[in-house]
Protein backbone atom coordinates (compact mmCIF):
# COMPACT_ATOMS: atom_id res chain seq x y z
CA UNK A 1 21.30 -12.99 5.40
CA UNK A 2 21.74 -11.15 8.63
CA UNK A 3 19.40 -9.78 11.41
CA UNK A 4 19.96 -6.35 10.65
CA UNK A 5 19.10 -6.61 6.62
CA UNK A 6 15.89 -9.12 7.39
CA UNK A 7 14.83 -5.88 10.01
CA UNK A 8 14.94 -4.13 6.96
CA UNK A 9 13.24 -6.24 4.29
CA UNK A 10 10.07 -6.23 6.99
CA UNK A 11 10.01 -2.72 7.50
CA UNK A 12 10.13 -1.95 4.25
CA UNK A 13 6.74 -4.06 4.17
CA UNK A 14 5.31 -2.30 6.42
CA UNK A 15 5.64 1.43 4.99
CA UNK A 16 4.85 -0.35 1.94
CA UNK A 17 1.19 -1.70 2.86
CA UNK A 18 0.32 1.71 5.23
CA UNK A 19 0.40 3.05 1.87
CA UNK A 20 -1.86 0.96 0.54
CA UNK A 21 -4.04 0.72 3.05
CA UNK A 22 -4.54 4.75 3.38
CA UNK A 23 -5.16 4.66 -0.26
CA UNK A 24 -7.80 2.25 -0.23
CA UNK A 25 -9.65 3.39 3.20
CA UNK A 26 -9.49 7.03 1.12
CA UNK A 27 -11.31 5.09 -1.64
CA UNK A 28 -13.58 3.36 1.09
CA UNK A 29 -14.28 7.15 2.58
CA UNK A 30 -14.69 8.78 -0.92
CA UNK A 31 -16.93 5.71 -2.80
CA UNK A 32 -20.08 7.99 -3.10
CA UNK A 33 -18.04 11.23 -3.31
CA UNK A 34 -18.88 13.11 -6.32
CA UNK A 35 -17.55 16.99 -6.35
CA UNK A 36 -14.16 17.71 -5.82
CA UNK A 37 -11.75 20.42 -5.82
CA UNK A 38 -10.10 19.32 -8.68
CA UNK A 39 -13.91 18.54 -10.54
CA UNK A 40 -15.77 16.27 -11.10
CA UNK A 41 -16.11 13.37 -8.84
CA UNK A 42 -13.71 11.43 -6.88
CA UNK A 43 -10.81 9.35 -8.63
CA UNK A 44 -10.56 6.00 -6.95
CA UNK A 45 -6.23 5.67 -5.58
CA UNK A 46 -3.77 2.11 -6.34
CA UNK A 47 -0.39 2.04 -5.09
CA UNK A 48 2.84 0.96 -7.15
CA UNK A 49 5.15 -1.45 -5.33
CA UNK A 50 9.01 -1.70 -6.45
CA UNK A 51 11.30 -3.05 -5.78
CA UNK A 52 15.08 -2.99 -5.08
CA UNK A 53 18.40 -5.05 -3.60
CA UNK A 54 18.72 -4.64 0.38
CA UNK A 55 21.74 -2.83 0.50
CA UNK A 56 22.87 -0.61 2.69
CA UNK A 57 26.69 0.66 1.82
CA UNK A 58 28.69 0.82 -1.32
CA UNK A 59 30.99 -1.38 -0.25
CA UNK A 60 28.84 -3.79 0.05
CA UNK A 61 27.70 -3.77 -3.22
CA UNK A 62 30.91 -3.69 -4.26
CA UNK A 63 32.06 -6.80 -1.97
CA UNK A 64 28.26 -8.53 -2.45
CA UNK A 65 27.91 -9.85 0.49
CA UNK A 66 24.25 -9.55 0.49
CA UNK A 67 22.05 -12.86 -1.76
CA UNK A 68 21.29 -11.51 -4.84
CA UNK A 69 17.98 -12.63 -3.99
CA UNK A 70 17.66 -10.52 -1.10
CA UNK A 71 14.67 -7.45 -2.11
CA UNK A 72 12.96 -4.74 -0.36
CA UNK A 73 9.53 -3.03 -1.83
CA UNK A 74 8.75 -0.30 -1.42
CA UNK A 75 5.56 2.21 -2.56
CA UNK A 76 6.75 3.86 -6.13
CA UNK A 77 3.46 5.92 -6.24
CA UNK A 78 0.12 6.66 -5.91
CA UNK A 79 -1.52 6.85 -8.92
CA UNK A 80 -5.79 8.21 -9.64
CA UNK A 81 -6.99 5.86 -11.54
CA UNK A 82 -8.70 7.00 -15.06
CA UNK A 83 -11.93 4.95 -14.90
CA UNK A 84 -14.41 6.13 -16.10
CA UNK A 85 -17.41 7.49 -13.35
CA UNK A 86 -21.08 6.16 -13.06
CA UNK A 87 -23.26 7.69 -14.19
CA UNK A 88 -26.56 7.42 -11.91
CA UNK A 89 -29.45 9.28 -12.96
CA UNK A 90 -30.52 11.79 -10.12
CA UNK A 91 -31.88 15.20 -10.93
CA UNK A 92 -32.74 15.93 -8.12
CA UNK A 93 -29.11 16.10 -6.89
CA UNK A 94 -26.96 19.38 -6.64
CA UNK A 95 -23.92 17.40 -9.29
CA UNK A 96 -26.94 16.37 -12.13
CA UNK A 97 -26.13 17.30 -15.02
CA UNK A 98 -28.86 19.07 -17.68
CA UNK A 99 -29.86 15.06 -18.37
CA UNK A 100 -29.91 14.26 -14.82
CA UNK A 101 -27.14 12.36 -14.34
CA UNK A 102 -24.58 11.96 -11.67
CA UNK A 103 -20.91 11.41 -12.52
CA UNK A 104 -20.39 9.05 -9.65
CA UNK A 105 -16.73 7.60 -8.28
CA UNK A 106 -16.09 3.61 -9.82
CA UNK A 107 -15.61 2.11 -6.40
CA UNK A 108 -16.96 -1.17 -5.89
CA UNK A 109 -16.34 -0.79 -1.72
CA UNK A 110 -16.71 -4.81 -1.65
CA UNK A 111 -13.83 -4.96 -3.57
CA UNK A 112 -11.84 -2.46 -1.31
CA UNK A 113 -12.89 -3.94 1.69
CA UNK A 114 -11.15 -7.49 0.37
CA UNK A 115 -8.06 -5.33 -1.44
CA UNK A 116 -7.89 -3.97 2.73
CA UNK A 117 -7.75 -7.43 3.96
CA UNK A 118 -5.09 -8.38 1.70
CA UNK A 119 -2.68 -5.47 2.85
CA UNK A 120 -4.31 -6.39 6.91
CA UNK A 121 -2.83 -10.03 6.10
CA UNK A 122 0.24 -8.49 4.15
CA UNK A 123 1.07 -5.96 7.15
CA UNK A 124 0.97 -8.74 10.22
CA UNK A 125 2.92 -11.18 8.28
CA UNK A 126 5.47 -8.35 7.90
CA UNK A 127 5.18 -7.80 11.99
CA UNK A 128 5.47 -11.65 12.66
CA UNK A 129 8.74 -11.58 11.16
CA UNK A 130 9.72 -8.59 12.61
CA UNK A 131 8.94 -10.65 16.08
CA UNK A 132 11.15 -13.78 14.91
CA UNK A 133 13.53 -11.96 14.22
CA UNK A 134 13.76 -10.48 17.66
CA UNK A 135 13.66 -13.26 19.22
CA UNK A 136 16.10 -14.79 17.13
CA UNK A 137 18.31 -11.71 18.77
CA UNK A 138 16.97 -12.36 22.51
CA UNK A 139 18.27 -16.43 21.80
CA UNK A 140 21.68 -14.93 20.43
CA UNK A 141 21.94 -12.57 22.83
CA UNK A 142 21.01 -15.08 25.68
CA UNK A 143 23.84 -17.38 24.31
CA UNK A 144 26.67 -15.65 24.81
CA UNK A 145 25.93 -15.41 28.46
C-alpha cells in the first residue's frame, strides 16, 4: 500500500469520527430538551459507519493494484433513534402533560461521554497514523538527497 492510500484511509477515519463526535455532543447538549421544532422531546442521534474499497480510479480497480483488504470508512448516515422518552413526574413544568408527566429524551450522559472518549481516541489514532506517514515520506525524500 502506498503512502497516499494510507493517508486517504486515515483521513476518512478522521472525517467519520468527527461526525460521530458531533452527534454525541449534540446528544449531550440536548439531554434535557423536552421540546423541539419537530415536536416532542429531542431524539438521540447515532452515526452509522460503512466502508468501501480504497481505490481512486477505474484503472486501479481494473488492474487490482491495491490490496483487497484496503478499505476506507465513512459515515453513511446520521439517524435519530426511536427510543421511547423517559417520563418524569413534574406537574409544574411547562411541557407537562395532563397527568403531570414530562417526556425527556432517553439519553444517558455517562454513556455518551464514554462514546465521546472512544471517538476521541479513534480520532487521535488516525492523527498518529497521518503523522507517521508524513515522517516516512520525509525520510524517503531525505534518502534521495
